[in-house]
C-alpha cells in the first residue's frame, strides 16, 4: 500500500435517478464507457456530486458494488466516498468497500456534530481507518474545518492507512503547507486538488492529481491542460484553464438562479448525451426553459467543442 498513488483526473460521478427518484444502476456501464472514451479513468463515487448524503446506506452500497464490478479492468481506480453523519455508518461503509474490492475510500468529517480540534479529528479518522487497515484512506477536506497541514502531521503515526487528502479549498497558502508537509515526510501523502477552476494553481503548488465534477463532461479539456503543463507549455495550459473558468462561471450563474450547483451540472451531463435524470428531492431540477438557455450559453462560449478529444 505504500506505493499507492493516484495521479491525473478523478471524476466525481453523478448518481442517476429515474422519474420516481430511485437510483438507476443500469446506466453505469454506459457511464464508464463515456468517461474512458473521454480519457478519464478514475472515479469518486457517492460524494457531493453523487448526492451521497441523500442516499440510504443500502443505496450507497449498491452503487459502490456496481461501480467496482463494472470498473474492473476498465477503470484505473474506483474510490468510494464512505463519509456519513455518524461514525458507525461510516465504519459500516468502510467494511463494505473493502469487501467489494474498492481501490480506496474517502471520508468527510462529521458534518452535524463537528469535531472541535485536530486531535478529535485525527481520532475520528483513526477509528474509520482501523476497520480496514490495508484500505487506502483519503480525507475529504471541505472548508472551513481546521489546518490540514497540521492534520497530516498529527495523523502520520496515528492513521497508517491515510494516503492523502482531497483538498477542496481555494486556500493555496494552506495547500502549499500541505505539500510541504508531504515533502518533509518523504512524500508520504497523495494530494488531490478539488477546485476544478483552479487546477493549474493546484499543479503549481505540487498536487498529484484532482477530483472534480466537471471532469465528467470536460475531461478532454483538462487532459489537454495536464499535457500542456507537463510539457512546460504554460500558455496552452492557461488557455484551457481559462476555458474551464468560462464554463464554470456559467454553471455558477445558473446555480444562483436554481439554488443548487449539482442540478445544473447534472443538466450539463444530460446535454452531453448521458442522461442521469433529475436530482433527488429536496434539490430541484433545472426547468425546461433554463435548460435551453443554459445550452445556448454553453454553445456560445464553445463548450461543445472544448469537450471533444
Protein backbone atom coordinates (compact mmCIF):
# COMPACT_ATOMS: atom_id res chain seq x y z
CA UNK A 1 0.00 0.00 0.00
CA UNK A 2 2.99 2.32 0.44
CA UNK A 3 3.22 2.66 -3.36
CA UNK A 4 -0.46 3.51 -3.80
CA UNK A 5 -0.81 6.88 -5.51
CA UNK A 6 -3.45 8.46 -7.73
CA UNK A 7 -2.44 10.87 -10.46
CA UNK A 8 -4.35 12.83 -13.07
CA UNK A 9 -8.11 13.32 -13.16
CA UNK A 10 -10.72 11.68 -10.96
CA UNK A 11 -14.36 12.25 -11.97
CA UNK A 12 -16.73 12.79 -9.06
CA UNK A 13 -19.62 10.83 -10.51
CA UNK A 14 -23.32 11.70 -10.61
CA UNK A 15 -25.98 9.32 -9.32
CA UNK A 16 -28.69 8.58 -11.88
CA UNK A 17 -32.31 8.59 -10.72
CA UNK A 18 -35.47 7.58 -12.52
CA UNK A 19 -38.70 9.62 -12.58
CA UNK A 20 -39.68 8.22 -9.17
CA UNK A 21 -36.38 9.22 -7.61
CA UNK A 22 -34.99 5.67 -7.44
CA UNK A 23 -31.34 5.01 -8.24
CA UNK A 24 -30.57 3.65 -11.71
CA UNK A 25 -27.72 1.14 -11.82
CA UNK A 26 -28.06 0.07 -15.45
CA UNK A 27 -26.53 3.34 -16.66
CA UNK A 28 -23.16 2.66 -15.01
CA UNK A 29 -21.65 0.51 -17.83
CA UNK A 30 -22.50 3.30 -20.29
CA UNK A 31 -21.15 5.85 -17.79
CA UNK A 32 -17.83 4.01 -17.52
CA UNK A 33 -17.57 3.86 -21.31
CA UNK A 34 -18.44 7.56 -21.56
CA UNK A 35 -15.63 8.51 -19.16
CA UNK A 36 -12.98 6.20 -20.60
CA UNK A 37 -13.79 7.39 -24.13
CA UNK A 38 -13.01 10.92 -22.91
CA UNK A 39 -9.73 9.75 -21.32
CA UNK A 40 -10.84 9.86 -17.66
CA UNK A 41 -10.12 6.57 -15.88
CA UNK A 42 -10.56 7.28 -12.17
CA UNK A 43 -13.86 7.83 -10.34
CA UNK A 44 -15.01 9.13 -6.97
CA UNK A 45 -18.39 7.57 -6.15
CA UNK A 46 -21.12 8.71 -3.71
CA UNK A 47 -19.59 12.09 -2.96
CA UNK A 48 -21.25 15.51 -3.01
CA UNK A 49 -21.72 15.41 -6.79
CA UNK A 50 -23.26 11.96 -6.42
CA UNK A 51 -25.71 13.30 -3.82
CA UNK A 52 -24.26 10.88 -1.28
CA UNK A 53 -25.91 12.50 1.76
CA UNK A 54 -29.32 11.99 0.09
CA UNK A 55 -28.75 8.25 -0.34
CA UNK A 56 -29.55 5.44 2.07
CA UNK A 57 -26.79 3.10 3.24
CA UNK A 58 -28.26 0.35 1.07
CA UNK A 59 -28.28 2.60 -1.99
CA UNK A 60 -24.70 3.65 -1.40
CA UNK A 61 -23.66 0.00 -1.10
CA UNK A 62 -25.45 -0.98 -4.30
CA UNK A 63 -23.91 1.92 -6.23
CA UNK A 64 -20.45 1.11 -4.89
CA UNK A 65 -20.83 -2.56 -5.83
CA UNK A 66 -21.90 -1.73 -9.37
CA UNK A 67 -19.11 0.79 -9.98
CA UNK A 68 -16.47 -1.62 -8.68
CA UNK A 69 -17.86 -4.51 -10.71
CA UNK A 70 -18.23 -2.57 -13.96
CA UNK A 71 -15.00 -0.63 -13.46
CA UNK A 72 -12.84 -3.73 -13.04
CA UNK A 73 -10.25 -3.85 -15.85
CA UNK A 74 -11.78 -0.67 -17.37
CA UNK A 75 -11.06 2.00 -14.77
CA UNK A 76 -7.74 2.60 -13.06
CA UNK A 77 -9.10 3.49 -9.62
CA UNK A 78 -12.57 3.37 -8.06
CA UNK A 79 -12.68 5.50 -4.90
CA UNK A 80 -15.78 5.12 -2.74
CA UNK A 81 -16.83 8.01 -0.54
CA UNK A 82 -17.98 6.50 2.77
CA UNK A 83 -18.46 9.60 4.94
CA UNK A 84 -21.73 9.80 6.89
CA UNK A 85 -23.15 11.96 9.65
CA UNK A 86 -22.11 9.37 12.22
CA UNK A 87 -19.11 7.15 12.88
CA UNK A 88 -20.93 3.79 12.89
CA UNK A 89 -22.43 4.17 9.43
CA UNK A 90 -19.08 5.35 8.09
CA UNK A 91 -17.39 2.28 9.57
CA UNK A 92 -20.07 0.09 8.02
CA UNK A 93 -19.39 1.55 4.57
CA UNK A 94 -15.64 1.19 5.11
CA UNK A 95 -16.08 -2.53 5.77
CA UNK A 96 -18.35 -2.87 2.75
CA UNK A 97 -15.96 -1.04 0.40
CA UNK A 98 -13.19 -3.39 1.49
CA UNK A 99 -15.33 -6.48 0.92
CA UNK A 100 -16.29 -5.49 -2.63
CA UNK A 101 -12.73 -4.66 -3.66
CA UNK A 102 -12.76 -0.87 -3.96
CA UNK A 103 -9.36 0.65 -4.67
CA UNK A 104 -9.65 3.35 -1.99
CA UNK A 105 -12.13 5.18 0.21
CA UNK A 106 -12.61 8.77 1.29
CA UNK A 107 -14.42 10.33 4.20
CA UNK A 108 -15.60 13.75 5.27
CA UNK A 109 -15.55 14.83 8.91
CA UNK A 110 -18.81 14.65 10.89
CA UNK A 111 -20.98 17.33 9.29
CA UNK A 112 -23.56 17.93 12.02
CA UNK A 113 -21.80 17.38 15.34
CA UNK A 114 -18.49 18.80 14.18
CA UNK A 115 -15.07 18.00 15.53
CA UNK A 116 -13.61 20.77 17.68
CA UNK A 117 -9.87 20.09 17.48
CA UNK A 118 -7.20 18.46 15.36
CA UNK A 119 -6.86 15.73 17.98
CA UNK A 120 -10.56 14.85 17.84
CA UNK A 121 -10.48 14.85 14.03
CA UNK A 122 -7.46 12.55 13.97
CA UNK A 123 -9.16 10.22 16.43
CA UNK A 124 -12.34 10.15 14.34
CA UNK A 125 -10.48 9.30 11.14
CA UNK A 126 -8.31 6.79 13.02
CA UNK A 127 -11.40 4.88 14.08
CA UNK A 128 -12.53 4.69 10.49
CA UNK A 129 -9.13 3.55 9.27
CA UNK A 130 -8.75 0.80 11.86
CA UNK A 131 -11.79 -1.03 10.44
CA UNK A 132 -9.75 -1.92 7.33
CA UNK A 133 -6.08 -1.09 7.98
CA UNK A 134 -4.99 -2.09 4.46
CA UNK A 135 -7.55 0.06 2.63
CA UNK A 136 -6.08 3.33 1.26
CA UNK A 137 -7.96 6.12 3.02
CA UNK A 138 -8.33 9.73 1.89
CA UNK A 139 -9.59 12.60 3.97
CA UNK A 140 -12.11 14.80 2.13
CA UNK A 141 -11.34 18.35 3.21
CA UNK A 142 -14.35 20.63 2.80
CA UNK A 143 -13.53 24.01 4.42
CA UNK A 144 -13.83 25.57 6.79
CA UNK A 145 -12.62 22.99 9.28
CA UNK A 146 -9.05 23.37 10.51
CA UNK A 147 -5.42 23.24 9.41
CA UNK A 148 -4.90 20.33 7.05
CA UNK A 149 -1.12 20.57 7.23
CA UNK A 150 -1.34 20.11 10.98
CA UNK A 151 -3.80 17.26 10.49
CA UNK A 152 -1.34 15.47 8.20
CA UNK A 153 1.47 15.93 10.72
CA UNK A 154 -0.63 14.59 13.61
CA UNK A 155 -2.08 11.73 11.57
CA UNK A 156 1.27 10.39 10.38
CA UNK A 157 1.72 7.89 13.18
CA UNK A 158 -1.92 7.59 14.25
CA UNK A 159 -3.51 6.64 10.91
CA UNK A 160 -1.11 4.41 8.92
CA UNK A 161 -3.67 3.84 6.14
CA UNK A 162 -4.18 7.55 5.46
CA UNK A 163 -2.91 8.14 1.93
CA UNK A 164 -3.76 11.79 1.41
CA UNK A 165 -6.38 14.49 1.09
CA UNK A 166 -8.97 15.60 -1.39
CA UNK A 167 -8.34 19.30 -0.83
CA UNK A 168 -11.50 21.21 -1.82
CA UNK A 169 -10.39 24.69 -0.83
CA UNK A 170 -9.17 27.72 -2.72
CA UNK A 171 -6.71 28.49 0.09
CA UNK A 172 -3.45 27.99 -1.81
CA UNK A 173 -1.39 29.02 1.21
CA UNK A 174 -2.78 26.07 3.18
CA UNK A 175 -2.48 23.87 0.09
CA UNK A 176 1.20 24.73 -0.14
CA UNK A 177 1.72 23.94 3.53
CA UNK A 178 0.15 20.51 2.96
CA UNK A 179 2.52 19.79 0.07
CA UNK A 180 5.48 20.94 2.13
CA UNK A 181 4.34 18.62 4.91
CA UNK A 182 4.28 15.78 2.37
CA UNK A 183 7.79 16.60 1.20
CA UNK A 184 9.04 16.78 4.76
CA UNK A 185 7.66 13.28 5.28
CA UNK A 186 9.21 11.65 2.19
CA UNK A 187 6.20 12.48 0.04
CA UNK A 188 4.07 10.12 2.13
CA UNK A 189 0.78 11.72 1.19
CA UNK A 190 -1.05 11.78 -2.14
CA UNK A 191 -2.53 15.26 -2.61
CA UNK A 192 -5.62 15.61 -4.82
CA UNK A 193 -6.99 19.05 -5.66
CA UNK A 194 -10.74 19.66 -5.51
CA UNK A 195 -11.21 23.06 -7.21
CA UNK A 196 -11.59 22.49 -10.95
CA UNK A 197 -11.50 26.21 -11.76
CA UNK A 198 -8.02 26.48 -10.17
CA UNK A 199 -6.44 23.23 -11.30
CA UNK A 200 -3.33 24.93 -12.66
CA UNK A 201 -2.77 26.55 -9.28
CA UNK A 202 -3.00 23.15 -7.63
CA UNK A 203 -0.46 21.73 -10.08
CA UNK A 204 1.85 24.68 -9.46
CA UNK A 205 1.68 24.13 -5.72
CA UNK A 206 2.61 20.48 -6.23
CA UNK A 207 -0.59 18.40 -6.16
CA UNK A 208 -0.51 14.95 -7.79
CA UNK A 209 -3.99 14.97 -9.29
CA UNK A 210 -7.52 16.26 -8.93
CA UNK A 211 -11.04 15.14 -8.06
CA UNK A 212 -13.81 17.17 -9.65
CA UNK A 213 -17.34 17.29 -11.02
CA UNK A 214 -16.56 18.99 -14.34
CA UNK A 215 -14.15 16.18 -15.28
CA UNK A 216 -17.31 14.21 -16.10
CA UNK A 217 -18.09 16.37 -19.12
CA UNK A 218 -14.87 18.35 -19.75
CA UNK A 219 -12.30 15.60 -19.42
CA UNK A 220 -10.60 16.22 -22.79
CA UNK A 221 -10.11 19.92 -21.96
CA UNK A 222 -8.46 19.16 -18.63
CA UNK A 223 -6.32 16.39 -20.10
CA UNK A 224 -5.03 18.86 -22.69
CA UNK A 225 -4.26 21.18 -19.79
CA UNK A 226 -2.34 18.47 -17.93
CA UNK A 227 -0.40 17.53 -21.05
CA UNK A 228 0.49 21.17 -21.74
CA UNK A 229 1.55 21.72 -18.15
CA UNK A 230 3.75 18.61 -18.04
CA UNK A 231 5.44 19.62 -21.30
CA UNK A 232 6.15 23.13 -19.99
CA UNK A 233 3.68 24.88 -22.28
CA UNK A 234 2.14 27.09 -19.59
CA UNK A 235 0.41 29.36 -22.11
CA UNK A 236 -1.53 26.43 -23.60
CA UNK A 237 -2.35 25.17 -20.12
CA UNK A 238 -3.58 28.61 -19.11
CA UNK A 239 -5.75 28.81 -22.21
CA UNK A 240 -7.52 25.59 -21.27
CA UNK A 241 -7.93 26.77 -17.68
CA UNK A 242 -9.49 29.99 -18.97
CA UNK A 243 -11.98 27.95 -20.99
CA UNK A 244 -12.72 25.89 -17.91
CA UNK A 245 -13.43 29.02 -15.90
CA UNK A 246 -15.81 30.29 -18.58
CA UNK A 247 -17.80 27.08 -18.32
CA UNK A 248 -17.75 27.06 -14.52
CA UNK A 249 -18.72 30.73 -14.36
CA UNK A 250 -21.75 29.87 -16.49
CA UNK A 251 -22.61 26.98 -14.18
CA UNK A 252 -22.32 29.22 -11.11
CA UNK A 253 -24.63 31.76 -12.76
CA UNK A 254 -27.36 29.17 -13.21
CA UNK A 255 -26.72 27.68 -9.78
CA UNK A 256 -27.55 31.05 -8.24
CA UNK A 257 -30.81 31.08 -10.18
CA UNK A 258 -31.80 27.48 -9.39
CA UNK A 259 -30.35 27.26 -5.89
CA UNK A 260 -28.05 24.30 -6.43
CA UNK A 261 -24.91 23.61 -8.47
CA UNK A 262 -25.43 19.83 -8.60
CA UNK A 263 -28.71 20.21 -10.52
CA UNK A 264 -27.02 22.49 -13.06
CA UNK A 265 -24.04 20.17 -13.57
CA UNK A 266 -26.36 17.20 -13.89
CA UNK A 267 -28.24 19.12 -16.57
CA UNK A 268 -24.96 19.66 -18.44
CA UNK A 269 -24.18 15.96 -18.17
CA UNK A 270 -27.57 15.22 -19.70
CA UNK A 271 -26.82 17.68 -22.51
CA UNK A 272 -23.60 15.82 -23.35
CA UNK A 273 -25.53 12.62 -24.07
CA UNK A 274 -25.51 10.73 -20.78
CA UNK A 275 -28.91 11.17 -19.16
CA UNK A 276 -28.55 10.88 -15.37
CA UNK A 277 -32.08 12.09 -14.71
CA UNK A 278 -33.03 14.76 -12.22
CA UNK A 279 -31.51 15.27 -8.77
CA UNK A 280 -33.19 13.81 -5.70
CA UNK A 281 -35.54 15.88 -3.57
CA UNK A 282 -35.02 18.39 -1.97
CA UNK A 283 -32.76 19.51 -4.84
CA UNK A 284 -34.86 20.84 -7.69
CA UNK A 285 -34.13 20.13 -11.33
CA UNK A 286 -33.32 22.80 -13.91
CA UNK A 287 -36.58 23.59 -15.72
CA UNK A 288 -37.06 23.28 -19.47
CA UNK A 289 -36.61 26.99 -20.18
CA UNK A 290 -33.46 27.26 -18.08
CA UNK A 291 -32.07 24.11 -19.70
CA UNK A 292 -32.47 25.62 -23.17
CA UNK A 293 -30.90 28.91 -22.07
CA UNK A 294 -28.01 27.06 -20.46
CA UNK A 295 -27.45 25.02 -23.62
CA UNK A 296 -27.40 28.16 -25.76
CA UNK A 297 -24.90 29.90 -23.48
CA UNK A 298 -22.64 26.86 -23.46
CA UNK A 299 -22.79 26.72 -27.24
CA UNK A 300 -21.88 30.42 -27.45
CA UNK A 301 -18.74 30.11 -25.34
CA UNK A 302 -17.57 26.94 -27.15
CA UNK A 303 -18.26 24.24 -24.57
CA UNK A 304 -19.37 21.58 -27.04
CA UNK A 305 -16.14 21.95 -28.99
CA UNK A 306 -13.91 22.12 -25.91
CA UNK A 307 -15.18 18.81 -24.52
CA UNK A 308 -14.09 16.86 -27.59
CA UNK A 309 -10.81 14.94 -27.77
